[in-house]
N, C-alpha and C. Protein backbone atom coordinates (compact mmCIF):
# COMPACT_ATOMS: atom_id res chain seq x y z
N MET A 1 -31.88 -55.18 -41.87
CA MET A 1 -31.06 -55.68 -42.94
C MET A 1 -30.47 -54.53 -43.76
N VAL A 2 -31.30 -53.53 -44.04
CA VAL A 2 -30.84 -52.36 -44.79
C VAL A 2 -29.73 -51.63 -44.03
N LEU A 3 -29.92 -51.47 -42.73
CA LEU A 3 -28.89 -50.81 -41.93
C LEU A 3 -27.59 -51.61 -41.92
N GLY A 4 -27.70 -52.93 -41.89
CA GLY A 4 -26.51 -53.78 -41.95
C GLY A 4 -25.76 -53.61 -43.25
N LEU A 5 -26.49 -53.55 -44.37
CA LEU A 5 -25.85 -53.33 -45.67
C LEU A 5 -25.21 -51.95 -45.75
N MET A 6 -25.89 -50.95 -45.21
CA MET A 6 -25.32 -49.60 -45.22
C MET A 6 -24.05 -49.54 -44.39
N ALA A 7 -24.03 -50.20 -43.24
CA ALA A 7 -22.83 -50.23 -42.40
C ALA A 7 -21.69 -50.93 -43.13
N LEU A 8 -22.00 -52.02 -43.82
CA LEU A 8 -20.98 -52.74 -44.60
C LEU A 8 -20.42 -51.85 -45.70
N MET A 9 -21.29 -51.17 -46.41
CA MET A 9 -20.85 -50.27 -47.48
C MET A 9 -19.97 -49.14 -46.93
N MET A 10 -20.38 -48.58 -45.81
CA MET A 10 -19.59 -47.51 -45.19
C MET A 10 -18.22 -48.04 -44.77
N GLY A 11 -18.18 -49.27 -44.28
CA GLY A 11 -16.93 -49.88 -43.88
C GLY A 11 -15.98 -50.07 -45.04
N LEU A 12 -16.51 -50.23 -46.23
CA LEU A 12 -15.68 -50.40 -47.42
C LEU A 12 -15.30 -49.06 -48.06
N VAL A 13 -16.20 -48.10 -48.04
CA VAL A 13 -16.00 -46.82 -48.73
C VAL A 13 -15.11 -45.87 -47.93
N VAL A 14 -15.35 -45.75 -46.64
CA VAL A 14 -14.63 -44.77 -45.83
C VAL A 14 -13.11 -44.98 -45.84
N PRO A 15 -12.59 -46.20 -45.68
CA PRO A 15 -11.13 -46.35 -45.72
C PRO A 15 -10.50 -45.94 -47.05
N SER A 16 -11.17 -46.23 -48.16
CA SER A 16 -10.60 -45.84 -49.46
C SER A 16 -10.65 -44.32 -49.63
N MET A 17 -11.69 -43.68 -49.11
CA MET A 17 -11.76 -42.22 -49.17
C MET A 17 -10.67 -41.60 -48.31
N TYR A 18 -10.40 -42.19 -47.17
CA TYR A 18 -9.36 -41.71 -46.27
C TYR A 18 -7.99 -41.76 -46.95
N GLY A 19 -7.70 -42.88 -47.64
CA GLY A 19 -6.44 -43.01 -48.37
C GLY A 19 -6.33 -42.01 -49.50
N SER A 20 -7.43 -41.80 -50.21
CA SER A 20 -7.43 -40.81 -51.30
C SER A 20 -7.18 -39.41 -50.78
N TRP A 21 -7.75 -39.11 -49.63
CA TRP A 21 -7.56 -37.78 -49.03
C TRP A 21 -6.09 -37.56 -48.69
N HIS A 22 -5.44 -38.56 -48.11
CA HIS A 22 -4.02 -38.43 -47.76
C HIS A 22 -3.15 -38.30 -49.01
N ARG A 23 -3.45 -39.06 -50.06
CA ARG A 23 -2.67 -38.95 -51.30
C ARG A 23 -2.84 -37.55 -51.91
N ALA A 24 -4.04 -37.00 -51.84
CA ALA A 24 -4.27 -35.65 -52.36
C ALA A 24 -3.48 -34.62 -51.56
N LYS A 25 -3.41 -34.80 -50.24
CA LYS A 25 -2.62 -33.88 -49.40
C LYS A 25 -1.14 -33.99 -49.73
N GLU A 26 -0.64 -35.20 -50.01
CA GLU A 26 0.77 -35.38 -50.38
C GLU A 26 1.06 -34.67 -51.69
N ARG A 27 0.19 -34.84 -52.68
CA ARG A 27 0.40 -34.18 -53.98
C ARG A 27 0.36 -32.66 -53.83
N ALA A 28 -0.56 -32.16 -53.03
CA ALA A 28 -0.65 -30.71 -52.81
C ALA A 28 0.61 -30.19 -52.12
N SER A 29 1.14 -30.95 -51.19
CA SER A 29 2.36 -30.57 -50.48
C SER A 29 3.54 -30.50 -51.45
N LEU A 30 3.66 -31.46 -52.34
CA LEU A 30 4.73 -31.46 -53.34
C LEU A 30 4.58 -30.28 -54.31
N ARG A 31 3.34 -30.03 -54.74
CA ARG A 31 3.10 -28.89 -55.65
C ARG A 31 3.49 -27.57 -54.99
N GLU A 32 3.21 -27.43 -53.71
CA GLU A 32 3.53 -26.20 -52.99
C GLU A 32 5.05 -26.00 -52.92
N LEU A 33 5.79 -27.07 -52.66
CA LEU A 33 7.25 -26.98 -52.63
C LEU A 33 7.79 -26.61 -54.01
N MET A 34 7.26 -27.24 -55.05
CA MET A 34 7.70 -26.92 -56.41
C MET A 34 7.36 -25.47 -56.77
N THR A 35 6.20 -25.00 -56.36
CA THR A 35 5.82 -23.61 -56.61
C THR A 35 6.79 -22.66 -55.92
N THR A 36 7.18 -22.99 -54.71
CA THR A 36 8.14 -22.15 -53.98
C THR A 36 9.48 -22.12 -54.70
N MET A 37 9.94 -23.27 -55.17
CA MET A 37 11.21 -23.33 -55.92
C MET A 37 11.13 -22.49 -57.20
N ARG A 38 10.03 -22.63 -57.91
CA ARG A 38 9.86 -21.87 -59.16
C ARG A 38 9.73 -20.38 -58.89
N MET A 39 9.10 -20.03 -57.77
CA MET A 39 9.00 -18.62 -57.40
C MET A 39 10.39 -18.06 -57.10
N ALA A 40 11.22 -18.85 -56.43
CA ALA A 40 12.60 -18.42 -56.13
C ALA A 40 13.36 -18.16 -57.43
N ARG A 41 13.17 -19.03 -58.40
CA ARG A 41 13.84 -18.87 -59.71
C ARG A 41 13.38 -17.58 -60.39
N SER A 42 12.09 -17.32 -60.36
CA SER A 42 11.54 -16.10 -60.97
C SER A 42 12.02 -14.85 -60.25
N LEU A 43 12.00 -14.88 -58.93
CA LEU A 43 12.46 -13.72 -58.16
C LEU A 43 13.94 -13.42 -58.44
N ALA A 44 14.74 -14.46 -58.49
CA ALA A 44 16.17 -14.27 -58.75
C ALA A 44 16.38 -13.62 -60.12
N ALA A 45 15.65 -14.10 -61.12
CA ALA A 45 15.80 -13.54 -62.46
C ALA A 45 15.30 -12.10 -62.54
N SER A 46 14.19 -11.81 -61.88
CA SER A 46 13.64 -10.45 -61.97
C SER A 46 14.44 -9.45 -61.14
N ARG A 47 15.01 -9.90 -60.03
CA ARG A 47 15.79 -9.01 -59.16
C ARG A 47 17.28 -8.98 -59.51
N HIS A 48 17.69 -9.91 -60.35
CA HIS A 48 19.12 -10.06 -60.70
C HIS A 48 19.99 -10.26 -59.46
N GLU A 49 19.52 -11.14 -58.57
CA GLU A 49 20.28 -11.45 -57.36
C GLU A 49 19.98 -12.87 -56.92
N ARG A 50 20.80 -13.37 -56.02
CA ARG A 50 20.62 -14.73 -55.50
C ARG A 50 19.39 -14.79 -54.59
N VAL A 51 18.60 -15.84 -54.77
CA VAL A 51 17.47 -16.12 -53.90
C VAL A 51 17.57 -17.60 -53.52
N ARG A 52 17.43 -17.88 -52.22
CA ARG A 52 17.59 -19.25 -51.75
C ARG A 52 16.28 -19.80 -51.16
N VAL A 53 16.13 -21.11 -51.29
CA VAL A 53 15.06 -21.83 -50.62
C VAL A 53 15.76 -22.70 -49.57
N PHE A 54 15.50 -22.40 -48.30
CA PHE A 54 16.11 -23.12 -47.19
C PHE A 54 15.24 -24.33 -46.85
N LEU A 55 15.90 -25.46 -46.62
CA LEU A 55 15.19 -26.71 -46.33
C LEU A 55 15.73 -27.35 -45.06
N ASP A 56 14.82 -27.83 -44.23
CA ASP A 56 15.17 -28.62 -43.06
C ASP A 56 14.65 -30.02 -43.33
N LEU A 57 15.55 -30.94 -43.63
CA LEU A 57 15.13 -32.27 -44.04
C LEU A 57 14.56 -33.11 -42.90
N GLU A 58 14.88 -32.76 -41.67
CA GLU A 58 14.35 -33.50 -40.53
C GLU A 58 12.87 -33.20 -40.30
N THR A 59 12.51 -31.92 -40.38
CA THR A 59 11.13 -31.52 -40.10
C THR A 59 10.28 -31.38 -41.37
N GLY A 60 10.92 -31.25 -42.53
CA GLY A 60 10.18 -31.03 -43.76
C GLY A 60 9.80 -29.57 -43.98
N ASN A 61 10.32 -28.67 -43.13
CA ASN A 61 10.02 -27.24 -43.28
C ASN A 61 10.91 -26.62 -44.35
N TYR A 62 10.37 -25.61 -45.03
CA TYR A 62 11.16 -24.84 -46.00
C TYR A 62 10.69 -23.40 -45.97
N ARG A 63 11.57 -22.51 -46.43
CA ARG A 63 11.21 -21.10 -46.51
C ARG A 63 11.94 -20.45 -47.67
N LEU A 64 11.30 -19.45 -48.24
CA LEU A 64 11.85 -18.70 -49.36
C LEU A 64 12.51 -17.43 -48.82
N GLU A 65 13.78 -17.28 -49.11
CA GLU A 65 14.55 -16.14 -48.62
C GLU A 65 13.95 -14.82 -49.10
N GLY A 66 13.88 -13.86 -48.18
CA GLY A 66 13.44 -12.52 -48.53
C GLY A 66 11.93 -12.35 -48.61
N THR A 67 11.18 -13.39 -48.25
CA THR A 67 9.72 -13.31 -48.26
C THR A 67 9.19 -13.96 -46.98
N SER A 68 7.91 -13.86 -46.79
CA SER A 68 7.30 -14.53 -45.64
C SER A 68 6.80 -15.92 -46.02
N ARG A 69 7.11 -16.36 -47.23
CA ARG A 69 6.62 -17.65 -47.72
C ARG A 69 7.36 -18.81 -47.04
N THR A 70 6.60 -19.62 -46.34
CA THR A 70 7.14 -20.82 -45.69
C THR A 70 6.20 -21.98 -45.99
N GLY A 71 6.66 -23.17 -45.71
CA GLY A 71 5.83 -24.34 -45.92
C GLY A 71 6.38 -25.54 -45.20
N GLN A 72 5.59 -26.60 -45.22
CA GLN A 72 6.02 -27.85 -44.63
C GLN A 72 5.48 -28.99 -45.47
N LEU A 73 6.35 -29.93 -45.77
CA LEU A 73 5.93 -31.10 -46.51
C LEU A 73 5.02 -31.97 -45.65
N SER A 74 4.16 -32.71 -46.29
CA SER A 74 3.29 -33.64 -45.59
C SER A 74 4.12 -34.57 -44.72
N ARG A 75 3.64 -34.85 -43.53
CA ARG A 75 4.35 -35.75 -42.62
C ARG A 75 4.39 -37.18 -43.15
N ARG A 76 3.56 -37.46 -44.13
CA ARG A 76 3.54 -38.79 -44.73
C ARG A 76 4.60 -38.95 -45.81
N LEU A 77 5.33 -37.86 -46.11
CA LEU A 77 6.42 -37.92 -47.07
C LEU A 77 7.75 -37.92 -46.31
N ARG A 78 8.62 -38.84 -46.66
CA ARG A 78 9.92 -38.93 -46.02
C ARG A 78 10.97 -38.41 -46.99
N LEU A 79 11.81 -37.51 -46.51
CA LEU A 79 12.89 -36.97 -47.32
C LEU A 79 14.10 -37.86 -47.16
N GLY A 80 14.57 -38.39 -48.27
CA GLY A 80 15.72 -39.28 -48.22
C GLY A 80 16.96 -38.59 -48.76
N ASP A 81 17.52 -39.18 -49.80
CA ASP A 81 18.73 -38.66 -50.42
C ASP A 81 18.52 -37.22 -50.86
N ALA A 82 19.46 -36.37 -50.52
CA ALA A 82 19.36 -34.96 -50.91
C ALA A 82 20.72 -34.43 -51.30
N HIS A 83 20.74 -33.61 -52.32
CA HIS A 83 21.96 -32.91 -52.73
C HIS A 83 21.63 -31.43 -52.66
N LEU A 84 22.15 -30.77 -51.62
CA LEU A 84 21.89 -29.35 -51.38
C LEU A 84 23.22 -28.65 -51.11
N VAL A 85 23.16 -27.33 -50.97
CA VAL A 85 24.28 -26.59 -50.38
C VAL A 85 24.04 -26.70 -48.89
N TRP A 86 24.91 -27.40 -48.18
CA TRP A 86 24.67 -27.71 -46.77
C TRP A 86 25.09 -26.57 -45.87
N GLU A 87 24.19 -26.15 -44.98
CA GLU A 87 24.52 -25.21 -43.91
C GLU A 87 24.96 -25.99 -42.68
N ASP A 88 24.25 -27.09 -42.43
CA ASP A 88 24.56 -27.95 -41.29
C ASP A 88 24.22 -29.37 -41.69
N ARG A 89 25.22 -30.10 -42.16
CA ARG A 89 24.98 -31.47 -42.65
C ARG A 89 24.45 -32.37 -41.54
N GLY A 90 24.96 -32.20 -40.32
CA GLY A 90 24.52 -33.03 -39.19
C GLY A 90 23.05 -32.84 -38.88
N ALA A 91 22.57 -31.61 -38.96
CA ALA A 91 21.16 -31.32 -38.70
C ALA A 91 20.31 -31.47 -39.96
N ARG A 92 20.96 -31.80 -41.06
CA ARG A 92 20.29 -31.98 -42.36
C ARG A 92 19.56 -30.71 -42.79
N GLN A 93 20.27 -29.58 -42.73
CA GLN A 93 19.71 -28.30 -43.16
C GLN A 93 20.58 -27.74 -44.27
N GLY A 94 19.93 -27.25 -45.29
CA GLY A 94 20.66 -26.68 -46.42
C GLY A 94 19.75 -25.83 -47.27
N TYR A 95 20.23 -25.50 -48.46
CA TYR A 95 19.43 -24.67 -49.36
C TYR A 95 19.77 -24.97 -50.81
N ILE A 96 18.88 -24.51 -51.68
CA ILE A 96 19.13 -24.47 -53.11
C ILE A 96 19.04 -23.01 -53.50
N ALA A 97 20.06 -22.54 -54.19
CA ALA A 97 20.12 -21.13 -54.58
C ALA A 97 19.81 -20.96 -56.06
N PHE A 98 19.12 -19.88 -56.37
CA PHE A 98 18.84 -19.50 -57.74
C PHE A 98 19.50 -18.14 -57.96
N TYR A 99 20.09 -17.95 -59.14
CA TYR A 99 20.86 -16.74 -59.43
C TYR A 99 20.19 -15.91 -60.52
N GLY A 100 20.57 -14.64 -60.56
CA GLY A 100 19.97 -13.68 -61.48
C GLY A 100 20.16 -14.01 -62.94
N ASP A 101 21.18 -14.81 -63.27
CA ASP A 101 21.42 -15.17 -64.67
C ASP A 101 20.62 -16.39 -65.11
N GLY A 102 19.76 -16.90 -64.22
CA GLY A 102 18.93 -18.05 -64.56
C GLY A 102 19.50 -19.38 -64.10
N SER A 103 20.73 -19.38 -63.64
CA SER A 103 21.33 -20.63 -63.18
C SER A 103 20.96 -20.89 -61.72
N SER A 104 21.45 -22.01 -61.20
CA SER A 104 21.17 -22.34 -59.80
C SER A 104 22.34 -23.13 -59.23
N SER A 105 22.29 -23.38 -57.93
CA SER A 105 23.29 -24.23 -57.30
C SER A 105 23.03 -25.68 -57.66
N GLY A 106 21.85 -25.94 -58.20
CA GLY A 106 21.46 -27.31 -58.55
C GLY A 106 21.15 -28.11 -57.31
N GLY A 107 20.64 -29.29 -57.52
CA GLY A 107 20.38 -30.17 -56.41
C GLY A 107 19.19 -31.06 -56.66
N HIS A 108 18.97 -31.96 -55.71
CA HIS A 108 17.81 -32.82 -55.79
C HIS A 108 17.38 -33.28 -54.41
N LEU A 109 16.11 -33.65 -54.31
CA LEU A 109 15.53 -34.20 -53.09
C LEU A 109 14.77 -35.46 -53.47
N THR A 110 14.99 -36.53 -52.74
CA THR A 110 14.23 -37.75 -52.95
C THR A 110 13.14 -37.82 -51.88
N LEU A 111 11.90 -37.97 -52.33
CA LEU A 111 10.76 -38.03 -51.43
C LEU A 111 10.08 -39.38 -51.57
N THR A 112 9.80 -40.01 -50.44
CA THR A 112 9.17 -41.33 -50.44
C THR A 112 7.89 -41.27 -49.62
N ASP A 113 6.80 -41.77 -50.20
CA ASP A 113 5.54 -41.80 -49.44
C ASP A 113 5.46 -43.10 -48.64
N LEU A 114 4.40 -43.26 -47.86
CA LEU A 114 4.25 -44.43 -47.00
C LEU A 114 4.10 -45.72 -47.80
N GLY A 115 3.67 -45.60 -49.04
CA GLY A 115 3.54 -46.78 -49.91
C GLY A 115 4.84 -47.19 -50.56
N GLY A 116 5.91 -46.44 -50.30
CA GLY A 116 7.21 -46.76 -50.88
C GLY A 116 7.45 -46.15 -52.25
N ASN A 117 6.51 -45.36 -52.75
CA ASN A 117 6.70 -44.70 -54.04
C ASN A 117 7.66 -43.54 -53.88
N ARG A 118 8.67 -43.49 -54.75
CA ARG A 118 9.69 -42.44 -54.66
C ARG A 118 9.58 -41.49 -55.83
N GLN A 119 9.78 -40.20 -55.51
CA GLN A 119 9.84 -39.16 -56.52
C GLN A 119 11.07 -38.31 -56.23
N VAL A 120 11.62 -37.74 -57.28
CA VAL A 120 12.80 -36.90 -57.12
C VAL A 120 12.50 -35.51 -57.66
N LEU A 121 12.69 -34.51 -56.81
CA LEU A 121 12.58 -33.12 -57.22
C LEU A 121 13.98 -32.69 -57.62
N GLU A 122 14.16 -32.34 -58.89
CA GLU A 122 15.47 -31.96 -59.41
C GLU A 122 15.49 -30.50 -59.80
N VAL A 123 16.62 -29.85 -59.52
CA VAL A 123 16.86 -28.47 -59.95
C VAL A 123 18.13 -28.49 -60.80
N GLU A 124 17.99 -28.11 -62.08
CA GLU A 124 19.13 -28.12 -62.99
C GLU A 124 20.06 -26.95 -62.70
N ILE A 125 21.35 -27.19 -62.82
CA ILE A 125 22.35 -26.17 -62.51
C ILE A 125 22.32 -25.03 -63.53
N ILE A 126 22.37 -25.34 -64.80
CA ILE A 126 22.52 -24.31 -65.83
C ILE A 126 21.25 -23.49 -66.02
N THR A 127 20.09 -24.15 -66.05
CA THR A 127 18.85 -23.43 -66.34
C THR A 127 18.02 -23.11 -65.09
N GLY A 128 18.29 -23.78 -63.98
CA GLY A 128 17.49 -23.60 -62.77
C GLY A 128 16.10 -24.22 -62.87
N LYS A 129 15.87 -25.01 -63.92
CA LYS A 129 14.55 -25.63 -64.13
C LYS A 129 14.26 -26.61 -62.99
N VAL A 130 13.02 -26.56 -62.48
CA VAL A 130 12.58 -27.41 -61.37
C VAL A 130 11.63 -28.47 -61.95
N THR A 131 11.96 -29.75 -61.75
CA THR A 131 11.12 -30.83 -62.24
C THR A 131 10.93 -31.89 -61.16
N LEU A 132 9.83 -32.61 -61.28
CA LEU A 132 9.54 -33.72 -60.38
C LEU A 132 9.41 -34.96 -61.24
N ILE A 133 10.23 -35.96 -60.96
CA ILE A 133 10.20 -37.19 -61.75
C ILE A 133 9.97 -38.38 -60.83
N LYS A 134 9.34 -39.39 -61.36
CA LYS A 134 9.13 -40.62 -60.61
C LYS A 134 10.45 -41.39 -60.61
N ALA A 135 10.92 -41.76 -59.43
CA ALA A 135 12.19 -42.47 -59.32
C ALA A 135 12.03 -43.91 -59.73
N LYS A 136 13.06 -44.41 -60.35
CA LYS A 136 13.07 -45.83 -60.74
C LYS A 136 13.42 -46.66 -59.52
N THR A 137 12.72 -47.78 -59.39
CA THR A 137 12.98 -48.65 -58.24
C THR A 137 13.98 -49.72 -58.56
């Protein structure tokens, strides 16, 4: 009887832990992308030159120009609407540029998780500020 109760409890606990683990990985993936964007802004300001973050919306890969810093968004996040400087619109590849004067090319990325929750990563044109906001449904 005790083993039956333990199996039942495990059956209830493990799936919720699995979901929590995936949500934590999604949040970490978003934080890493935001850190890369903010690093690009800082590098541009300190070097007084343009620094770009290249994005491949199909694969979720990104890289910071002039460094070995690369990353990939969680596969559980879908990239939707995006406003970038397009290198290849058909392949959905582009970049957001940050300039030495603190400005940027601006842009946004809409990210949707498997639960349908949408967030928008925005980069302001004048200040280059990078923010993540919950999208209105």
